Amino acid sequence: AMDPQQRLLLEVAWETLEDAGQIPEELKGSKTGVFIGIGTHDYSIMLWQQPVSEPYATTGTGNCIAANRISYSFDSKGPSLAVDTACSSSLVAVHLACQSIWTGESELALAGGVNMLLLPTIMVGFSKGGFMSSEGKCKSFDAGADGYVRGEGAGLVLLKPLSQAQADGDDIYGVILSSAVNQDGLSDGMAAPNPVAQEAVLREAYQKVGIDPSQVDYVEAHGTGT
């Protein structure tokens, strides 16, 4: 009765805490937030095709429960929410987690996302809509780009204020100095990018902490064919 995306997130949440050297029992009652990017609901569609008498199907197929179940399992008391902004869901979840930490709402945060592809019908719909790459390859920033490739997986990071992480002697993989989010607004199509809006959100992220863009030597972009 439970969407496998929820199970996968529980496993990855445990692995994330383990990798970070955090003892789950010590998080009970803490202001640990959970921010999960999740947009697909293939399993829910499959399950509810027929009448379901299983009471756990309601919680098992709710995308919000993908985050809530983690908070429940670890007895954490911080914000717990699911985020759906399509391709950017996981990164927006990280953005919201940072905001929660910076405001003191959360003292620790699990943030990331999950995606599983269980139905062919959605893939067919995207193909007919012209969203999918005809070659099954992403060619981002290429004149020959003609679509994107859907993928599966799950990933989480554990976030904490830098000063606290240093005081606790934690292993630190990276530091998030700034984050920003916006929306393209009106463009050539709902799925088409708006270069002006995307430039604006980059400028905002840099300006928040006074980073000169010339200091940036590596840029990672999500791999669509737009």
C-alpha atoms as a PDB file:
ATOM      1  CA  ALA A   1       0.000   0.000   0.000  1.00  0.00           C
ATOM      2  CA  MET A   2       3.028   2.305   0.205  1.00  0.00           C
ATOM      3  CA  ASP A   3       4.571   4.138  -2.735  1.00  0.00           C
ATOM      4  CA  PRO A   4       8.102   2.731  -3.169  1.00  0.00           C
ATOM      5  CA  GLN A   5       9.324   6.346  -3.322  1.00  0.00           C
ATOM      6  CA  GLN A   6       8.517   6.617   0.396  1.00  0.00           C
ATOM      7  CA  ARG A   7      10.453   3.445   1.197  1.00  0.00           C
ATOM      8  CA  LEU A   8      13.400   4.583  -0.890  1.00  0.00           C
ATOM      9  CA  LEU A   9      13.486   7.929   0.923  1.00  0.00           C
ATOM     10  CA  LEU A  10      13.453   6.209   4.317  1.00  0.00           C
ATOM     11  CA  GLU A  11      16.450   4.119   3.282  1.00  0.00           C
ATOM     12  CA  VAL A  12      18.360   7.078   1.889  1.00  0.00           C
ATOM     13  CA  ALA A  13      17.515   9.229   4.932  1.00  0.00           C
ATOM     14  CA  TRP A  14      19.064   6.576   7.173  1.00  0.00           C
ATOM     15  CA  GLU A  15      22.135   6.347   4.946  1.00  0.00           C
ATOM     16  CA  THR A  16      22.477  10.137   4.961  1.00  0.00           C
ATOM     17  CA  LEU A  17      22.395  10.326   8.752  1.00  0.00           C
ATOM     18  CA  GLU A  18      24.824   7.418   8.945  1.00  0.00           C
ATOM     19  CA  ASP A  19      27.228   9.072   6.504  1.00  0.00           C
ATOM     20  CA  ALA A  20      27.014  12.309   8.504  1.00  0.00           C
ATOM     21  CA  GLY A  21      27.790  10.531  11.758  1.00  0.00           C
ATOM     22  CA  GLN A  22      24.443  11.464  13.269  1.00  0.00           C
ATOM     23  CA  ILE A  23      22.836   9.063  15.747  1.00  0.00           C
ATOM     24  CA  PRO A  24      19.087   8.874  14.926  1.00  0.00           C
ATOM     25  CA  GLU A  25      18.095   8.386  18.581  1.00  0.00           C
ATOM     26  CA  GLU A  26      19.711  11.710  19.437  1.00  0.00           C
ATOM     27  CA  LEU A  27      17.505  13.533  16.926  1.00  0.00           C
ATOM     28  CA  LYS A  28      14.281  12.680  18.743  1.00  0.00           C
ATOM     29  CA  GLY A  29      12.365  15.843  19.549  1.00  0.00           C
ATOM     30  CA  SER A  30      14.909  18.016  17.721  1.00  0.00           C
ATOM     31  CA  LYS A  31      14.121  20.833  15.311  1.00  0.00           C
ATOM     32  CA  THR A  32      15.191  18.741  12.347  1.00  0.00           C
ATOM     33  CA  GLY A  33      13.386  19.753   9.183  1.00  0.00           C
ATOM     34  CA  VAL A  34      12.605  17.467   6.250  1.00  0.00           C
ATOM     35  CA  PHE A  35      12.260  18.986   2.782  1.00  0.00           C
ATOM     36  CA  ILE A  36      11.527  16.554  -0.036  1.00  0.00           C
ATOM     37  CA  GLY A  37      11.250  17.209  -3.749  1.00  0.00           C
ATOM     38  CA  ILE A  38       8.714  14.801  -5.229  1.00  0.00           C
ATOM     39  CA  GLY A  39       6.463  15.232  -8.230  1.00  0.00           C
ATOM     40  CA  THR A  40       5.593  11.864  -9.727  1.00  0.00           C
ATOM     41  CA  HIS A  41       2.692   9.798  -8.423  1.00  0.00           C
ATOM     42  CA  ASP A  42       2.698   6.798 -10.752  1.00  0.00           C
ATOM     43  CA  TYR A  43       2.154   4.314  -7.926  1.00  0.00           C
ATOM     44  CA  SER A  44      -0.869   6.217  -6.675  1.00  0.00           C
ATOM     45  CA  ILE A  45      -2.436   6.114 -10.129  1.00  0.00           C
ATOM     46  CA  MET A  46      -1.805   2.373 -10.363  1.00  0.00           C
ATOM     47  CA  LEU A  47      -3.148   1.636  -6.886  1.00  0.00           C
ATOM     48  CA  TRP A  48      -6.327   3.659  -7.194  1.00  0.00           C
ATOM     49  CA  GLN A  49      -7.386   2.213 -10.553  1.00  0.00           C
ATOM     50  CA  GLN A  50      -9.566  -0.197  -8.557  1.00  0.00           C
ATOM     51  CA  PRO A  51     -11.494   0.268  -5.281  1.00  0.00           C
ATOM     52  CA  VAL A  52      -9.050   0.011  -2.394  1.00  0.00           C
ATOM     53  CA  SER A  53     -10.107  -1.134   1.068  1.00  0.00           C
ATOM     54  CA  GLU A  54      -6.604  -0.919   2.549  1.00  0.00           C
ATOM     55  CA  PRO A  55      -6.578   2.015   5.014  1.00  0.00           C
ATOM     56  CA  TYR A  56      -2.841   2.567   4.642  1.00  0.00           C
ATOM     57  CA  ALA A  57      -3.250   3.338   0.939  1.00  0.00           C
ATOM     58  CA  THR A  58      -4.218   6.918   1.761  1.00  0.00           C
ATOM     59  CA  THR A  59      -0.996   7.696   3.600  1.00  0.00           C
ATOM     60  CA  GLY A  60       0.946   5.341   1.354  1.00  0.00           C
ATOM     61  CA  THR A  61       0.209   7.401  -1.746  1.00  0.00           C
ATOM     62  CA  GLY A  62       0.270  10.956  -0.392  1.00  0.00           C
ATOM     63  CA  ASN A  63       3.315  12.864  -1.621  1.00  0.00           C
ATOM     64  CA  CYS A  64       3.350  14.937   1.573  1.00  0.00           C
ATOM     65  CA  ILE A  65       3.796  11.727   3.542  1.00  0.00           C
ATOM     66  CA  ALA A  66       7.064  11.126   1.701  1.00  0.00           C
ATOM     67  CA  ALA A  67       8.475  13.834   3.973  1.00  0.00           C
ATOM     68  CA  ASN A  68       6.170  13.324   6.957  1.00  0.00           C
ATOM     69  CA  ARG A  69       7.031   9.622   7.256  1.00  0.00           C
ATOM     70  CA  ILE A  70      10.708  10.486   7.726  1.00  0.00           C
ATOM     71  CA  SER A  71       9.881  12.996  10.457  1.00  0.00           C
ATOM     72  CA  TYR A  72       7.557  10.459  12.080  1.00  0.00           C
ATOM     73  CA  SER A  73      10.113   7.667  11.959  1.00  0.00           C
ATOM     74  CA  PHE A  74      12.877   9.756  13.528  1.00  0.00           C
ATOM     75  CA  ASP A  75      10.529  11.733  15.812  1.00  0.00           C
ATOM     76  CA  SER A  76      11.849  15.054  14.516  1.00  0.00           C
ATOM     77  CA  LYS A  77       9.831  18.181  15.213  1.00  0.00           C
ATOM     78  CA  GLY A  78      11.041  20.581  12.496  1.00  0.00           C
ATOM     79  CA  PRO A  79       9.094  21.518   9.339  1.00  0.00           C
ATOM     80  CA  SER A  80       8.207  18.541   7.151  1.00  0.00           C
ATOM     81  CA  LEU A  81       7.017  19.188   3.629  1.00  0.00           C
ATOM     82  CA  ALA A  82       6.967  17.951   0.051  1.00  0.00           C
ATOM     83  CA  VAL A  83       7.921  20.268  -2.792  1.00  0.00           C
ATOM     84  CA  ASP A  84       6.780  19.922  -6.387  1.00  0.00           C
ATOM     85  CA  THR A  85       8.286  22.384  -8.853  1.00  0.00           C
ATOM     86  CA  ALA A  86       8.831  19.768 -11.573  1.00  0.00           C
ATOM     87  CA  CYS A  87      12.508  19.423 -12.578  1.00  0.00           C
ATOM     88  CA  SER A  88      13.745  21.813  -9.891  1.00  0.00           C
ATOM     89  CA  SER A  89      11.920  20.174  -6.953  1.00  0.00           C
ATOM     90  CA  SER A  90      15.005  18.814  -5.173  1.00  0.00           C
ATOM     91  CA  LEU A  91      16.970  22.035  -5.486  1.00  0.00           C
ATOM     92  CA  VAL A  92      14.025  24.139  -4.337  1.00  0.00           C
ATOM     93  CA  ALA A  93      13.717  21.776  -1.367  1.00  0.00           C
ATOM     94  CA  VAL A  94      17.357  22.510  -0.527  1.00  0.00           C
ATOM     95  CA  HIS A  95      16.655  26.245  -0.925  1.00  0.00           C
ATOM     96  CA  LEU A  96      13.724  26.048   1.516  1.00  0.00           C
ATOM     97  CA  ALA A  97      15.808  23.987   3.935  1.00  0.00           C
ATOM     98  CA  CYS A  98      18.514  26.670   3.884  1.00  0.00           C
ATOM     99  CA  GLN A  99      15.925  29.368   4.549  1.00  0.00           C
ATOM    100  CA  SER A 100      14.595  27.357   7.487  1.00  0.00           C
ATOM    101  CA  ILE A 101      18.077  26.987   8.953  1.00  0.00           C
ATOM    102  CA  TRP A 102      19.025  30.632   8.370  1.00  0.00           C
ATOM    103  CA  THR A 103      15.882  31.822  10.171  1.00  0.00           C
ATOM    104  CA  GLY A 104      16.414  29.433  13.078  1.00  0.00           C
ATOM    105  CA  GLU A 105      13.254  27.490  12.303  1.00  0.00           C
ATOM    106  CA  SER A 106      15.343  24.315  11.856  1.00  0.00           C
ATOM    107  CA  GLU A 107      18.618  23.438  13.536  1.00  0.00           C
ATOM    108  CA  LEU A 108      19.216  20.550  11.151  1.00  0.00           C
ATOM    109  CA  ALA A 109      17.613  19.636   7.836  1.00  0.00           C
ATOM    110  CA  LEU A 110      17.333  16.666   5.521  1.00  0.00           C
ATOM    111  CA  ALA A 111      16.765  17.922   1.990  1.00  0.00           C
ATOM    112  CA  GLY A 112      16.632  16.327  -1.425  1.00  0.00           C
ATOM    113  CA  GLY A 113      14.276  14.369  -3.615  1.00  0.00           C
ATOM    114  CA  VAL A 114      13.086  11.157  -5.185  1.00  0.00           C
ATOM    115  CA  ASN A 115      11.730  10.044  -8.550  1.00  0.00           C
ATOM    116  CA  MET A 116      10.540   6.668  -9.788  1.00  0.00           C
ATOM    117  CA  LEU A 117       9.066   5.902 -13.213  1.00  0.00           C
ATOM    118  CA  LEU A 118       6.423   3.182 -12.979  1.00  0.00           C
ATOM    119  CA  LEU A 119       3.962   3.956 -15.777  1.00  0.00           C
ATOM    120  CA  PRO A 120       4.542   4.066 -19.532  1.00  0.00           C
ATOM    121  CA  THR A 121       1.558   6.338 -20.114  1.00  0.00           C
ATOM    122  CA  ILE A 122       3.236   9.474 -18.741  1.00  0.00           C
ATOM    123  CA  MET A 123       6.336   8.789 -20.832  1.00  0.00           C
ATOM    124  CA  VAL A 124       4.140   8.446 -23.912  1.00  0.00           C
ATOM    125  CA  GLY A 125       2.381  11.701 -23.072  1.00  0.00           C
ATOM    126  CA  PHE A 126       5.658  13.562 -22.714  1.00  0.00           C
ATOM    127  CA  SER A 127       6.887  12.075 -25.984  1.00  0.00           C
ATOM    128  CA  LYS A 128       3.782  13.176 -27.849  1.00  0.00           C
ATOM    129  CA  GLY A 129       4.148  16.619 -26.277  1.00  0.00           C
ATOM    130  CA  GLY A 130       7.656  16.950 -27.672  1.00  0.00           C
ATOM    131  CA  PHE A 131       9.387  16.995 -24.272  1.00  0.00           C
ATOM    132  CA  MET A 132      11.457  13.835 -24.695  1.00  0.00           C
ATOM    133  CA  SER A 133      14.752  13.570 -26.546  1.00  0.00           C
ATOM    134  CA  SER A 134      14.323  11.601 -29.757  1.00  0.00           C
ATOM    135  CA  GLU A 135      17.770  10.011 -29.269  1.00  0.00           C
ATOM    136  CA  GLY A 136      17.477   9.356 -25.556  1.00  0.00           C
ATOM    137  CA  LYS A 137      20.312  11.798 -24.891  1.00  0.00           C
ATOM    138  CA  CYS A 138      20.457  15.211 -23.215  1.00  0.00           C
ATOM    139  CA  LYS A 139      22.155  17.855 -25.347  1.00  0.00           C
ATOM    140  CA  SER A 140      21.899  20.836 -23.045  1.00  0.00           C
ATOM    141  CA  PHE A 141      22.951  24.212 -24.514  1.00  0.00           C
ATOM    142  CA  ASP A 142      23.275  22.551 -27.920  1.00  0.00           C
ATOM    143  CA  ALA A 143      21.567  23.875 -31.043  1.00  0.00           C
ATOM    144  CA  GLY A 144      20.458  20.318 -31.725  1.00  0.00           C
ATOM    145  CA  ALA A 145      18.779  19.854 -28.335  1.00  0.00           C
ATOM    146  CA  ASP A 146      15.331  18.383 -28.821  1.00  0.00           C
ATOM    147  CA  GLY A 147      14.198  17.221 -25.398  1.00  0.00           C
ATOM    148  CA  TYR A 148      15.214  15.654 -22.137  1.00  0.00           C
ATOM    149  CA  VAL A 149      15.665  12.176 -20.648  1.00  0.00           C
ATOM    150  CA  ARG A 150      13.723  11.094 -17.587  1.00  0.00           C
ATOM    151  CA  GLY A 151      15.613   9.396 -14.796  1.00  0.00           C
ATOM    152  CA  GLU A 152      15.066   7.632 -11.481  1.00  0.00           C
ATOM    153  CA  GLY A 153      16.752   7.872  -8.130  1.00  0.00           C
ATOM    154  CA  ALA A 154      16.881   9.485  -4.723  1.00  0.00           C
ATOM    155  CA  GLY A 155      19.321  11.788  -3.021  1.00  0.00           C
ATOM    156  CA  LEU A 156      19.483  13.656   0.282  1.00  0.00           C
ATOM    157  CA  VAL A 157      21.903  15.995   2.007  1.00  0.00           C
ATOM    158  CA  LEU A 158      22.058  16.826   5.701  1.00  0.00           C
ATOM    159  CA  LEU A 159      22.333  20.557   6.337  1.00  0.00           C
ATOM    160  CA  LYS A 160      23.486  22.346   9.468  1.00  0.00           C
ATOM    161  CA  PRO A 161      24.771  25.860  10.228  1.00  0.00           C
ATOM    162  CA  LEU A 162      28.490  25.963   9.413  1.00  0.00           C
ATOM    163  CA  SER A 163      29.506  27.224  12.849  1.00  0.00           C
ATOM    164  CA  GLN A 164      27.619  24.370  14.526  1.00  0.00           C
ATOM    165  CA  ALA A 165      29.068  21.770  12.157  1.00  0.00           C
ATOM    166  CA  GLN A 166      32.571  23.022  12.901  1.00  0.00           C
ATOM    167  CA  ALA A 167      31.901  23.029  16.648  1.00  0.00           C
ATOM    168  CA  ASP A 168      30.586  19.462  16.449  1.00  0.00           C
ATOM    169  CA  GLY A 169      33.575  18.285  14.418  1.00  0.00           C
ATOM    170  CA  ASP A 170      31.388  17.110  11.547  1.00  0.00           C
ATOM    171  CA  ASP A 171      32.695  16.121   8.146  1.00  0.00           C
ATOM    172  CA  ILE A 172      31.743  18.939   5.767  1.00  0.00           C
ATOM    173  CA  TYR A 173      31.325  18.243   2.053  1.00  0.00           C
ATOM    174  CA  GLY A 174      30.465  21.793   1.067  1.00  0.00           C
ATOM    175  CA  VAL A 175      29.123  25.160   2.185  1.00  0.00           C
ATOM    176  CA  ILE A 176      26.009  26.822   0.752  1.00  0.00           C
ATOM    177  CA  LEU A 177      26.669  30.552   0.842  1.00  0.00           C
ATOM    178  CA  SER A 178      23.500  31.642  -0.898  1.00  0.00           C
ATOM    179  CA  SER A 179      20.414  30.408  -2.678  1.00  0.00           C
ATOM    180  CA  ALA A 180      17.663  32.009  -4.745  1.00  0.00           C
ATOM    181  CA  VAL A 181      14.516  30.890  -6.506  1.00  0.00           C
ATOM    182  CA  ASN A 182      12.138  32.445  -9.020  1.00  0.00           C
ATOM    183  CA  GLN A 183       9.842  31.479 -11.884  1.00  0.00           C
ATOM    184  CA  ASP A 184      10.222  32.045 -15.612  1.00  0.00           C
ATOM    185  CA  GLY A 185       6.851  33.729 -15.954  1.00  0.00           C
ATOM    186  CA  LEU A 186       5.654  34.204 -19.533  1.00  0.00           C
ATOM    187  CA  SER A 187       7.920  32.699 -22.212  1.00  0.00           C
ATOM    188  CA  ASP A 188       7.600  30.987 -25.583  1.00  0.00           C
ATOM    189  CA  GLY A 189       5.772  28.133 -23.858  1.00  0.00           C
ATOM    190  CA  MET A 190       5.105  26.772 -20.378  1.00  0.00           C
ATOM    191  CA  ALA A 191       8.059  24.387 -20.663  1.00  0.00           C
ATOM    192  CA  ALA A 192      10.335  26.845 -22.479  1.00  0.00           C
ATOM    193  CA  PRO A 193      13.012  28.771 -20.549  1.00  0.00           C
ATOM    194  CA  ASN A 194      13.041  32.515 -20.048  1.00  0.00           C
ATOM    195  CA  PRO A 195      16.689  33.670 -20.252  1.00  0.00           C
ATOM    196  CA  VAL A 196      15.925  37.034 -18.627  1.00  0.00           C
ATOM    197  CA  ALA A 197      14.318  35.414 -15.577  1.00  0.00           C
ATOM    198  CA  GLN A 198      17.082  32.826 -15.273  1.00  0.00           C
ATOM    199  CA  GLU A 199      19.738  35.540 -15.435  1.00  0.00           C
ATOM    200  CA  ALA A 200      17.866  37.435 -12.707  1.00  0.00           C
ATOM    201  CA  VAL A 201      17.850  34.502 -10.278  1.00  0.00           C
ATOM    202  CA  LEU A 202      21.586  33.970 -10.807  1.00  0.00           C
ATOM    203  CA  ARG A 203      22.283  37.630 -10.147  1.00  0.00           C
ATOM    204  CA  GLU A 204      20.184  37.473  -6.965  1.00  0.00           C
ATOM    205  CA  ALA A 205      22.093  34.479  -5.645  1.00  0.00           C
ATOM    206  CA  TYR A 206      25.450  36.173  -6.270  1.00  0.00           C
ATOM    207  CA  GLN A 207      24.396  39.556  -4.914  1.00  0.00           C
ATOM    208  CA  LYS A 208      23.022  38.173  -1.645  1.00  0.00           C
ATOM    209  CA  VAL A 209      26.533  37.384  -0.422  1.00  0.00           C
ATOM    210  CA  GLY A 210      28.585  39.639  -2.673  1.00  0.00           C
ATOM    211  CA  ILE A 211      30.042  36.922  -4.889  1.00  0.00           C
ATOM    212  CA  ASP A 212      31.666  38.175  -8.080  1.00  0.00           C
ATOM    213  CA  PRO A 213      30.507  35.846 -10.888  1.00  0.00           C
ATOM    214  CA  SER A 214      34.073  35.838 -12.207  1.00  0.00           C
ATOM    215  CA  GLN A 215      35.030  33.909  -9.047  1.00  0.00           C
ATOM    216  CA  VAL A 216      32.796  31.017 -10.076  1.00  0.00           C
ATOM    217  CA  ASP A 217      34.773  28.345 -11.894  1.00  0.00           C
ATOM    218  CA  TYR A 218      32.236  25.513 -12.117  1.00  0.00           C
ATOM    219  CA  VAL A 219      28.565  25.593 -13.028  1.00  0.00           C
ATOM    220  CA  GLU A 220      26.240  22.592 -12.926  1.00  0.00           C
ATOM    221  CA  ALA A 221      22.941  22.755 -14.784  1.00  0.00           C
ATOM    222  CA  HIS A 222      20.164  20.194 -14.779  1.00  0.00           C
ATOM    223  CA  GLY A 223      20.213  18.180 -17.968  1.00  0.00           C
ATOM    224  CA  THR A 224      17.177  19.031 -20.019  1.00  0.00           C
ATOM    225  CA  GLY A 225      17.254  19.677 -23.728  1.00  0.00           C
ATOM    226  CA  THR A 226      15.961  23.246 -23.500  1.00  0.00           C
END
